[in-house]
Amino acid sequence: MSVCQSCGACCVSFRVDFHPAELAGGAFAWGEGVPLEMTLPVTPNIVRMRGTDDAPPRCIALAGQVGEAVNCTIYDGRPSPCREFDTEHAACNRARQRCGLAAL
């Protein structure tokens, strides 16, 4: 299991906004793309993953228990902010700290 599959802190810490072209069937979608029903419109050029703007935030695509075992239910079609985020970002350790997890 990768460290991300036992963490999930980023999925419960950050707002995830991206271009609608990454939605399912969109010109810039990976895999099957992000299902429309998992998003909220923000502007004509921005959609947001449901749950990431809640208090507390939790991405609708996250399954499992943070800090134990998690997975992204749309991993192959996840949006670019999720693809670009990794454990090398300082924001990863900030998210882990918010969830009471040790820094990497």
N, C-alpha and C. Protein backbone atom coordinates (compact mmCIF):
# COMPACT_ATOMS: atom_id res chain seq x y z
N MET A 1 0.84 -1.18 0.00
CA MET A 1 0.00 0.00 0.00
C MET A 1 0.89 1.24 0.00
N SER A 2 0.59 2.19 -0.88
CA SER A 2 1.38 3.42 -0.92
C SER A 2 1.00 4.30 0.27
N VAL A 3 1.87 5.26 0.58
CA VAL A 3 1.60 6.17 1.69
C VAL A 3 0.29 6.93 1.45
N CYS A 4 -0.01 7.25 0.22
CA CYS A 4 -1.25 7.97 -0.09
C CYS A 4 -2.49 7.13 0.20
N GLN A 5 -2.38 5.84 0.01
CA GLN A 5 -3.52 4.94 0.25
C GLN A 5 -3.76 4.69 1.73
N SER A 6 -2.85 5.15 2.58
CA SER A 6 -3.07 5.07 4.02
C SER A 6 -3.24 6.46 4.62
N CYS A 7 -3.34 7.47 3.78
CA CYS A 7 -3.41 8.85 4.26
C CYS A 7 -4.76 9.48 3.91
N GLY A 8 -4.84 10.13 2.74
CA GLY A 8 -6.07 10.80 2.31
C GLY A 8 -6.23 12.20 2.88
N ALA A 9 -5.23 12.70 3.58
CA ALA A 9 -5.34 14.02 4.21
C ALA A 9 -5.61 15.13 3.20
N CYS A 10 -5.02 15.05 2.03
CA CYS A 10 -5.24 16.09 1.02
C CYS A 10 -6.70 16.13 0.59
N CYS A 11 -7.35 14.99 0.58
CA CYS A 11 -8.74 14.88 0.13
C CYS A 11 -9.73 15.44 1.13
N VAL A 12 -9.26 15.70 2.35
CA VAL A 12 -10.12 16.27 3.38
C VAL A 12 -9.59 17.63 3.85
N SER A 13 -8.72 18.24 3.02
CA SER A 13 -8.11 19.51 3.41
C SER A 13 -8.24 20.63 2.39
N PHE A 14 -8.36 20.29 1.11
CA PHE A 14 -8.27 21.33 0.08
C PHE A 14 -9.47 21.36 -0.85
N ARG A 15 -9.78 22.56 -1.32
CA ARG A 15 -10.79 22.75 -2.36
C ARG A 15 -10.17 22.30 -3.67
N VAL A 16 -10.95 21.62 -4.50
CA VAL A 16 -10.44 21.10 -5.77
C VAL A 16 -11.26 21.71 -6.91
N ASP A 17 -10.67 22.70 -7.58
CA ASP A 17 -11.29 23.38 -8.71
C ASP A 17 -10.53 23.03 -9.98
N PHE A 18 -11.27 22.91 -11.09
CA PHE A 18 -10.63 22.58 -12.37
C PHE A 18 -11.54 22.98 -13.52
N HIS A 19 -11.02 22.89 -14.72
CA HIS A 19 -11.75 23.27 -15.93
C HIS A 19 -12.76 22.18 -16.32
N PRO A 20 -13.94 22.58 -16.77
CA PRO A 20 -14.95 21.59 -17.16
C PRO A 20 -14.51 20.64 -18.28
N ALA A 21 -13.47 20.97 -19.02
CA ALA A 21 -12.97 20.08 -20.07
C ALA A 21 -12.44 18.77 -19.49
N GLU A 22 -12.25 18.71 -18.17
CA GLU A 22 -11.78 17.49 -17.52
C GLU A 22 -12.94 16.60 -17.07
N LEU A 23 -14.16 17.06 -17.28
CA LEU A 23 -15.33 16.25 -16.93
C LEU A 23 -15.44 15.06 -17.89
N ALA A 24 -16.20 14.06 -17.49
CA ALA A 24 -16.42 12.89 -18.34
C ALA A 24 -16.84 13.33 -19.74
N GLY A 25 -16.15 12.81 -20.74
CA GLY A 25 -16.44 13.16 -22.13
C GLY A 25 -15.78 14.45 -22.59
N GLY A 26 -15.11 15.15 -21.69
CA GLY A 26 -14.46 16.41 -22.04
C GLY A 26 -13.20 16.22 -22.85
N ALA A 27 -12.79 17.27 -23.53
CA ALA A 27 -11.62 17.22 -24.40
C ALA A 27 -10.32 16.93 -23.66
N PHE A 28 -10.25 17.28 -22.38
CA PHE A 28 -9.01 17.08 -21.62
C PHE A 28 -9.20 16.14 -20.45
N ALA A 29 -10.15 15.24 -20.55
CA ALA A 29 -10.41 14.26 -19.49
C ALA A 29 -9.40 13.13 -19.56
N TRP A 30 -8.95 12.67 -18.39
CA TRP A 30 -8.13 11.46 -18.31
C TRP A 30 -9.08 10.31 -18.04
N GLY A 31 -8.75 9.16 -18.56
CA GLY A 31 -9.62 8.01 -18.34
C GLY A 31 -11.03 8.35 -18.74
N GLU A 32 -11.98 8.07 -17.87
CA GLU A 32 -13.37 8.40 -18.14
C GLU A 32 -13.71 9.83 -17.73
N GLY A 33 -12.78 10.52 -17.12
CA GLY A 33 -13.02 11.89 -16.66
C GLY A 33 -13.78 11.91 -15.35
N VAL A 34 -13.99 13.11 -14.85
CA VAL A 34 -14.71 13.31 -13.59
C VAL A 34 -16.21 13.30 -13.87
N PRO A 35 -16.96 12.45 -13.21
CA PRO A 35 -18.41 12.43 -13.42
C PRO A 35 -19.04 13.77 -13.03
N LEU A 36 -19.88 14.29 -13.88
CA LEU A 36 -20.52 15.57 -13.66
C LEU A 36 -21.21 15.63 -12.30
N GLU A 37 -21.85 14.54 -11.90
CA GLU A 37 -22.60 14.54 -10.64
C GLU A 37 -21.70 14.65 -9.41
N MET A 38 -20.39 14.52 -9.59
CA MET A 38 -19.45 14.67 -8.47
C MET A 38 -18.92 16.10 -8.38
N THR A 39 -19.47 17.00 -9.19
CA THR A 39 -18.96 18.36 -9.23
C THR A 39 -20.08 19.38 -9.01
N LEU A 40 -19.64 20.60 -8.73
CA LEU A 40 -20.53 21.75 -8.63
C LEU A 40 -19.99 22.82 -9.57
N PRO A 41 -20.86 23.51 -10.31
CA PRO A 41 -20.38 24.61 -11.15
C PRO A 41 -19.98 25.80 -10.28
N VAL A 42 -18.88 26.45 -10.63
CA VAL A 42 -18.43 27.65 -9.92
C VAL A 42 -18.58 28.85 -10.85
N THR A 43 -17.99 28.74 -12.03
CA THR A 43 -18.13 29.74 -13.09
C THR A 43 -18.24 28.94 -14.39
N PRO A 44 -18.44 29.61 -15.52
CA PRO A 44 -18.47 28.85 -16.78
C PRO A 44 -17.17 28.09 -17.07
N ASN A 45 -16.06 28.53 -16.46
CA ASN A 45 -14.76 27.91 -16.71
C ASN A 45 -14.19 27.14 -15.53
N ILE A 46 -14.96 27.00 -14.46
CA ILE A 46 -14.46 26.29 -13.28
C ILE A 46 -15.58 25.43 -12.68
N VAL A 47 -15.22 24.19 -12.37
CA VAL A 47 -16.08 23.31 -11.59
C VAL A 47 -15.30 22.88 -10.35
N ARG A 48 -16.01 22.43 -9.35
CA ARG A 48 -15.39 22.06 -8.08
C ARG A 48 -15.86 20.67 -7.69
N MET A 49 -14.96 19.87 -7.16
CA MET A 49 -15.33 18.57 -6.63
C MET A 49 -16.27 18.78 -5.44
N ARG A 50 -17.40 18.09 -5.45
CA ARG A 50 -18.35 18.17 -4.34
C ARG A 50 -17.66 17.74 -3.05
N GLY A 51 -18.02 18.42 -2.00
CA GLY A 51 -17.48 18.11 -0.68
C GLY A 51 -16.23 18.86 -0.33
N THR A 52 -15.48 19.35 -1.32
CA THR A 52 -14.21 20.01 -1.00
C THR A 52 -14.40 21.43 -0.51
N ASP A 53 -15.63 21.94 -0.58
CA ASP A 53 -15.93 23.28 -0.09
C ASP A 53 -16.77 23.21 1.19
N ASP A 54 -17.00 21.99 1.69
CA ASP A 54 -17.78 21.81 2.91
C ASP A 54 -16.92 22.14 4.13
N ALA A 55 -17.57 22.24 5.28
CA ALA A 55 -16.85 22.45 6.53
C ALA A 55 -17.23 21.33 7.48
N PRO A 56 -16.38 20.39 7.75
CA PRO A 56 -15.04 20.23 7.19
C PRO A 56 -15.10 19.65 5.77
N PRO A 57 -14.07 19.92 4.97
CA PRO A 57 -14.06 19.39 3.60
C PRO A 57 -13.81 17.89 3.56
N ARG A 58 -14.40 17.26 2.56
CA ARG A 58 -14.12 15.85 2.25
C ARG A 58 -14.57 15.62 0.82
N CYS A 59 -13.64 15.29 -0.06
CA CYS A 59 -13.96 15.05 -1.46
C CYS A 59 -14.95 13.90 -1.58
N ILE A 60 -15.94 14.09 -2.42
CA ILE A 60 -16.96 13.06 -2.64
C ILE A 60 -16.37 11.77 -3.20
N ALA A 61 -15.23 11.87 -3.87
CA ALA A 61 -14.62 10.68 -4.48
C ALA A 61 -13.76 9.87 -3.51
N LEU A 62 -13.56 10.38 -2.29
CA LEU A 62 -12.73 9.68 -1.32
C LEU A 62 -13.53 8.59 -0.61
N ALA A 63 -12.97 7.39 -0.60
CA ALA A 63 -13.57 6.28 0.13
C ALA A 63 -12.58 5.84 1.20
N GLY A 64 -13.09 5.42 2.35
CA GLY A 64 -12.24 4.89 3.40
C GLY A 64 -12.05 5.84 4.55
N GLN A 65 -11.15 5.44 5.45
CA GLN A 65 -10.88 6.18 6.68
C GLN A 65 -9.52 6.87 6.57
N VAL A 66 -9.52 8.21 6.67
CA VAL A 66 -8.29 8.99 6.60
C VAL A 66 -7.32 8.52 7.68
N GLY A 67 -6.07 8.35 7.27
CA GLY A 67 -5.03 7.91 8.19
C GLY A 67 -4.95 6.41 8.36
N GLU A 68 -5.87 5.69 7.74
CA GLU A 68 -5.86 4.23 7.85
C GLU A 68 -5.78 3.58 6.47
N ALA A 69 -6.87 3.65 5.72
CA ALA A 69 -6.91 3.08 4.37
C ALA A 69 -7.94 3.87 3.56
N VAL A 70 -7.48 4.46 2.46
CA VAL A 70 -8.35 5.27 1.61
C VAL A 70 -8.09 4.95 0.14
N ASN A 71 -9.04 5.33 -0.71
CA ASN A 71 -8.80 5.29 -2.14
C ASN A 71 -9.71 6.29 -2.82
N CYS A 72 -9.28 6.71 -3.99
CA CYS A 72 -10.07 7.62 -4.82
C CYS A 72 -10.93 6.75 -5.73
N THR A 73 -12.24 6.96 -5.66
CA THR A 73 -13.15 6.14 -6.45
C THR A 73 -13.12 6.49 -7.93
N ILE A 74 -12.46 7.59 -8.29
CA ILE A 74 -12.33 7.97 -9.70
C ILE A 74 -10.86 8.18 -10.06
N TYR A 75 -9.98 7.42 -9.45
CA TYR A 75 -8.53 7.62 -9.58
C TYR A 75 -8.08 7.79 -11.03
N ASP A 76 -8.48 6.92 -11.93
CA ASP A 76 -8.02 7.03 -13.33
C ASP A 76 -8.56 8.27 -14.03
N GLY A 77 -9.66 8.82 -13.56
CA GLY A 77 -10.25 10.00 -14.17
C GLY A 77 -10.13 11.25 -13.31
N ARG A 78 -9.35 11.19 -12.24
CA ARG A 78 -9.25 12.32 -11.31
C ARG A 78 -8.78 13.59 -12.02
N PRO A 79 -9.16 14.77 -11.50
CA PRO A 79 -8.81 16.03 -12.16
C PRO A 79 -7.35 16.43 -11.96
N SER A 80 -6.92 17.39 -12.74
CA SER A 80 -5.52 17.82 -12.73
C SER A 80 -5.00 18.26 -11.37
N PRO A 81 -5.75 18.99 -10.53
CA PRO A 81 -5.17 19.35 -9.23
C PRO A 81 -4.77 18.13 -8.42
N CYS A 82 -5.53 17.07 -8.52
CA CYS A 82 -5.22 15.84 -7.79
C CYS A 82 -4.02 15.12 -8.42
N ARG A 83 -3.92 15.17 -9.74
CA ARG A 83 -2.80 14.54 -10.43
C ARG A 83 -1.48 15.25 -10.12
N GLU A 84 -1.56 16.57 -9.94
CA GLU A 84 -0.35 17.38 -9.73
C GLU A 84 0.12 17.36 -8.28
N PHE A 85 -0.75 17.03 -7.36
CA PHE A 85 -0.42 17.03 -5.94
C PHE A 85 0.35 15.76 -5.60
N ASP A 86 1.42 15.90 -4.83
CA ASP A 86 2.14 14.71 -4.39
C ASP A 86 2.80 14.95 -3.04
N THR A 87 3.44 13.94 -2.54
CA THR A 87 4.04 14.00 -1.21
C THR A 87 5.22 14.97 -1.14
N GLU A 88 5.72 15.42 -2.27
CA GLU A 88 6.83 16.37 -2.29
C GLU A 88 6.37 17.80 -2.00
N HIS A 89 5.08 18.06 -2.12
CA HIS A 89 4.55 19.40 -1.84
C HIS A 89 4.51 19.64 -0.34
N ALA A 90 4.88 20.85 0.07
CA ALA A 90 4.79 21.22 1.49
C ALA A 90 3.34 21.12 1.97
N ALA A 91 2.40 21.34 1.05
CA ALA A 91 0.98 21.27 1.40
C ALA A 91 0.59 19.87 1.86
N CYS A 92 1.29 18.86 1.41
CA CYS A 92 1.02 17.49 1.85
C CYS A 92 1.22 17.38 3.35
N ASN A 93 2.34 17.84 3.84
CA ASN A 93 2.60 17.75 5.28
C ASN A 93 1.68 18.66 6.07
N ARG A 94 1.27 19.80 5.52
CA ARG A 94 0.29 20.66 6.20
C ARG A 94 -1.04 19.92 6.35
N ALA A 95 -1.45 19.24 5.29
CA ALA A 95 -2.70 18.47 5.34
C ALA A 95 -2.58 17.34 6.35
N ARG A 96 -1.45 16.65 6.33
CA ARG A 96 -1.25 15.55 7.28
C ARG A 96 -1.29 16.07 8.71
N GLN A 97 -0.68 17.21 8.95
CA GLN A 97 -0.67 17.81 10.29
C GLN A 97 -2.10 18.13 10.74
N ARG A 98 -2.92 18.70 9.83
CA ARG A 98 -4.31 19.01 10.16
C ARG A 98 -5.08 17.77 10.58
N CYS A 99 -4.69 16.62 10.03
CA CYS A 99 -5.39 15.36 10.33
C CYS A 99 -4.73 14.58 11.46
N GLY A 100 -3.71 15.18 12.09
CA GLY A 100 -3.04 14.51 13.20
C GLY A 100 -2.08 13.41 12.79
N LEU A 101 -1.62 13.47 11.54
CA LEU A 101 -0.69 12.48 11.03
C LEU A 101 0.73 13.02 11.02
N ALA A 102 1.71 12.16 11.16
CA ALA A 102 3.11 12.56 11.16
C ALA A 102 3.54 13.04 9.77
N ALA A 103 4.46 13.99 9.77
CA ALA A 103 5.03 14.46 8.51
C ALA A 103 5.79 13.34 7.82
N LEU A 104 5.88 13.45 6.51
CA LEU A 104 6.63 12.44 5.74
C LEU A 104 8.10 12.81 5.67
